[in-house]
Amino acid sequence: MARVVYSAAMSLDGYIAGPGGDMAWLARHFGPDPDAEELAAGAGALLVGARTYRGDDPNAGTDAEGAFEGTWSGPTIVVTHHPDAAPPPDVTFVGTVEEGLDRARAAAGDRDVHILGADLARQCLALGAVDRIAVSVVPEMIGDGVRLFHAAGGVSVQLERTRLTGLPHTTTLWYRVVRGRE
């Protein structure tokens, strides 16, 4: 059964994108990254939020444009109330997070479903659907933008750190989401 994984690069002050979803700040931190390669290798399907699907790509206009620095090809499930009339190959639009999770899990088989988008990840966490989280902390503070997780009123999610890896340009924290009394 597919695990549901949320991974993101985050500034030290907790932002995954700048104001308006700007991802340009992240491009200067790219480099060889075995953690990102590991995540990409385990992916069987992407579950993508509408803003992320239509949003800023720090690699736009380069060979690395797209998910996993342009290496992704496979099923992409986009949760949106405004689907494109003619989706690209391998892209499916759905209207609810639950339907998206069902379709992405089926498409992934025994590989991982990767969530792309902060708001979608928050919704999946609220549904108890996220199994793993990997956050690469980048040595920069950008001051404003899209937070890694933000829930008005706060939501507590218990995590167990499973690994800690590091490179000169990132430190990656790997977690398992703890459910009940596991």
Protein backbone atom coordinates (compact mmCIF):
# COMPACT_ATOMS: atom_id res chain seq x y z
CA MET A 1 0.00 0.00 0.00
CA ALA A 2 1.28 3.46 -0.90
CA ARG A 3 2.66 5.70 1.82
CA VAL A 4 1.68 9.37 1.66
CA VAL A 5 4.73 11.62 1.93
CA TYR A 6 5.05 15.38 2.22
CA SER A 7 8.47 16.81 1.49
CA ALA A 8 9.48 20.42 1.14
CA ALA A 9 12.45 22.74 1.26
CA MET A 10 12.00 25.40 3.93
CA SER A 11 13.85 28.55 4.91
CA LEU A 12 15.19 28.61 8.45
CA ASP A 13 12.34 30.96 9.41
CA GLY A 14 9.67 28.47 8.29
CA TYR A 15 8.71 29.49 4.74
CA ILE A 16 8.51 27.18 1.73
CA ALA A 17 7.75 30.02 -0.71
CA GLY A 18 8.08 33.77 -0.64
CA PRO A 19 5.23 36.28 -0.92
CA GLY A 20 2.77 35.37 -3.65
CA GLY A 21 4.22 31.85 -3.86
CA ASP A 22 7.59 33.06 -5.22
CA MET A 23 10.05 30.18 -5.35
CA ALA A 24 12.98 32.06 -6.90
CA TRP A 25 14.81 32.32 -3.54
CA LEU A 26 15.28 28.54 -3.52
CA ALA A 27 17.14 28.23 -6.84
CA ARG A 28 20.46 29.45 -5.42
CA HIS A 29 20.44 26.54 -2.96
CA PHE A 30 20.15 23.77 -5.53
CA GLY A 31 22.94 21.29 -5.88
CA PRO A 32 23.47 17.56 -5.78
CA ASP A 33 21.06 16.22 -3.16
CA PRO A 34 20.89 12.50 -2.33
CA ASP A 35 17.82 13.11 -0.10
CA ALA A 36 15.84 14.61 -2.99
CA GLU A 37 17.00 11.79 -5.26
CA GLU A 38 15.82 9.22 -2.70
CA LEU A 39 12.42 10.88 -2.44
CA ALA A 40 12.06 11.02 -6.23
CA ALA A 41 13.07 7.38 -6.63
CA GLY A 42 10.29 6.26 -4.26
CA ALA A 43 7.53 8.27 -5.93
CA GLY A 44 4.70 6.45 -7.66
CA ALA A 45 2.27 9.35 -7.97
CA LEU A 46 2.01 13.05 -7.18
CA LEU A 47 -0.94 14.64 -5.38
CA VAL A 48 -0.75 18.33 -6.21
CA GLY A 49 -2.66 21.38 -4.98
CA ALA A 50 -4.09 23.82 -7.52
CA ARG A 51 -1.86 26.74 -6.51
CA THR A 52 1.24 24.59 -6.73
CA TYR A 53 0.20 23.13 -10.08
CA ARG A 54 -0.30 26.59 -11.53
CA GLY A 55 2.38 28.29 -9.43
CA ASP A 56 5.95 29.39 -9.53
CA ASP A 57 8.71 26.89 -10.34
CA PRO A 58 12.23 27.94 -9.31
CA ASN A 59 13.49 26.01 -12.35
CA ALA A 60 11.06 27.55 -14.88
CA GLY A 61 12.54 27.74 -18.34
CA THR A 62 15.35 25.26 -17.60
CA ASP A 63 15.84 21.53 -18.13
CA ALA A 64 15.06 21.08 -14.43
CA GLU A 65 11.55 22.58 -14.66
CA GLY A 66 8.85 20.49 -12.97
CA ALA A 67 8.58 18.12 -10.03
CA PHE A 68 11.79 16.60 -8.69
CA GLU A 69 13.86 19.06 -10.75
CA GLY A 70 12.25 17.93 -13.99
CA THR A 71 12.84 14.20 -13.52
CA TRP A 72 9.20 13.32 -12.74
CA SER A 73 7.06 11.57 -15.28
CA GLY A 74 4.06 9.65 -14.07
CA PRO A 75 0.59 10.03 -12.66
CA THR A 76 -0.16 13.51 -11.31
CA ILE A 77 -3.46 14.07 -9.51
CA VAL A 78 -4.40 17.75 -9.13
CA VAL A 79 -7.01 18.78 -6.55
CA THR A 80 -8.92 21.77 -7.91
CA HIS A 81 -12.39 23.16 -8.47
CA HIS A 82 -11.18 24.67 -11.76
CA PRO A 83 -9.75 21.90 -13.97
CA ASP A 84 -8.05 22.64 -17.27
CA ALA A 85 -10.17 21.79 -20.32
CA ALA A 86 -7.39 19.70 -21.88
CA PRO A 87 -5.03 18.29 -19.23
CA PRO A 88 -1.54 17.19 -20.21
CA PRO A 89 -0.85 13.43 -20.40
CA ASP A 90 -0.67 11.75 -16.97
CA VAL A 91 -2.51 14.67 -15.27
CA THR A 92 -5.92 14.00 -13.72
CA PHE A 93 -8.04 16.71 -12.10
CA VAL A 94 -10.27 15.87 -9.12
CA GLY A 95 -12.58 18.02 -7.00
CA THR A 96 -11.83 16.79 -3.47
CA VAL A 97 -8.80 15.87 -1.37
CA GLU A 98 -10.35 12.51 -0.53
CA GLU A 99 -10.83 11.61 -4.20
CA GLY A 100 -7.31 12.82 -4.92
CA LEU A 101 -5.87 10.59 -2.19
CA ASP A 102 -7.82 7.58 -3.47
CA ARG A 103 -6.70 8.11 -7.07
CA ALA A 104 -3.09 8.85 -6.15
CA ARG A 105 -2.83 5.78 -3.90
CA ALA A 106 -4.27 3.57 -6.64
CA ALA A 107 -1.88 5.05 -9.22
CA ALA A 108 1.17 4.72 -6.93
CA GLY A 109 0.63 1.02 -6.20
CA ASP A 110 3.27 0.05 -3.64
CA ARG A 111 5.32 3.21 -4.20
CA ASP A 112 4.88 6.57 -2.43
CA VAL A 113 2.33 9.30 -3.05
CA HIS A 114 4.07 12.67 -2.82
CA ILE A 115 2.08 15.74 -1.83
CA LEU A 116 3.04 19.02 -3.49
CA GLY A 117 1.50 22.12 -1.91
CA ALA A 118 1.37 23.47 1.63
CA ASP A 119 -2.40 23.86 1.87
CA LEU A 120 -3.01 20.41 0.39
CA ALA A 121 -0.51 18.92 2.86
CA ARG A 122 -2.34 20.64 5.72
CA GLN A 123 -5.65 19.17 4.53
CA CYS A 124 -4.14 15.69 4.19
CA LEU A 125 -2.71 15.96 7.72
CA ALA A 126 -6.14 16.95 9.03
CA LEU A 127 -7.56 13.81 7.40
CA GLY A 128 -4.88 11.66 9.06
CA ALA A 129 -3.58 10.64 5.63
CA VAL A 130 0.10 11.66 5.84
CA ASP A 131 2.54 8.91 6.80
CA ARG A 132 5.94 10.59 6.39
CA ILE A 133 7.33 14.14 6.30
CA ALA A 134 10.77 15.20 5.08
CA VAL A 135 11.78 18.84 5.49
CA SER A 136 15.03 20.17 4.05
CA VAL A 137 16.00 23.29 5.98
CA VAL A 138 17.83 25.77 3.77
CA PRO A 139 20.33 28.24 5.32
CA GLU A 140 18.38 31.39 4.51
CA MET A 141 15.63 33.42 6.14
CA ILE A 142 13.21 34.98 3.66
CA GLY A 143 11.00 36.81 6.15
CA ASP A 144 7.54 36.35 4.61
CA GLY A 145 5.54 34.07 2.38
CA VAL A 146 3.94 30.63 2.54
CA ARG A 147 4.53 28.77 5.80
CA LEU A 148 5.41 25.07 5.86
CA PHE A 149 2.24 24.38 7.86
CA HIS A 150 -0.33 26.87 8.98
CA ALA A 151 -3.66 26.02 10.57
CA ALA A 152 -5.73 28.77 12.15
CA GLY A 153 -6.19 27.89 15.80
CA GLY A 154 -3.37 25.35 15.61
CA VAL A 155 -3.35 21.61 15.17
CA SER A 156 -1.09 19.22 17.03
CA VAL A 157 0.50 16.42 15.01
CA GLN A 158 2.79 13.97 16.80
CA LEU A 159 5.97 13.13 14.89
CA GLU A 160 8.82 10.72 15.43
CA ARG A 161 12.16 11.67 13.90
CA THR A 162 13.49 8.74 11.91
CA ARG A 163 16.59 10.32 10.34
CA LEU A 164 18.67 13.45 10.14
CA THR A 165 20.85 14.06 7.10
CA GLY A 166 22.89 17.03 6.03
CA LEU A 167 24.69 18.67 3.16
CA PRO A 168 26.42 22.05 2.98
CA HIS A 169 23.25 23.58 1.46
CA THR A 170 20.54 21.74 3.47
CA THR A 171 19.75 19.76 6.59
CA THR A 172 16.94 17.26 6.10
CA LEU A 173 14.71 16.19 8.96
CA TRP A 174 12.81 12.93 8.31
CA TYR A 175 9.69 12.13 10.37
CA ARG A 176 7.03 9.46 10.72
CA VAL A 177 3.55 10.70 11.64
CA VAL A 178 2.50 9.02 14.88
CA ARG A 179 -1.12 7.88 15.01
CA GLY A 180 -2.76 6.89 18.28
CA ARG A 181 -0.63 4.57 20.37
CA GLU A 182 1.63 3.14 17.67
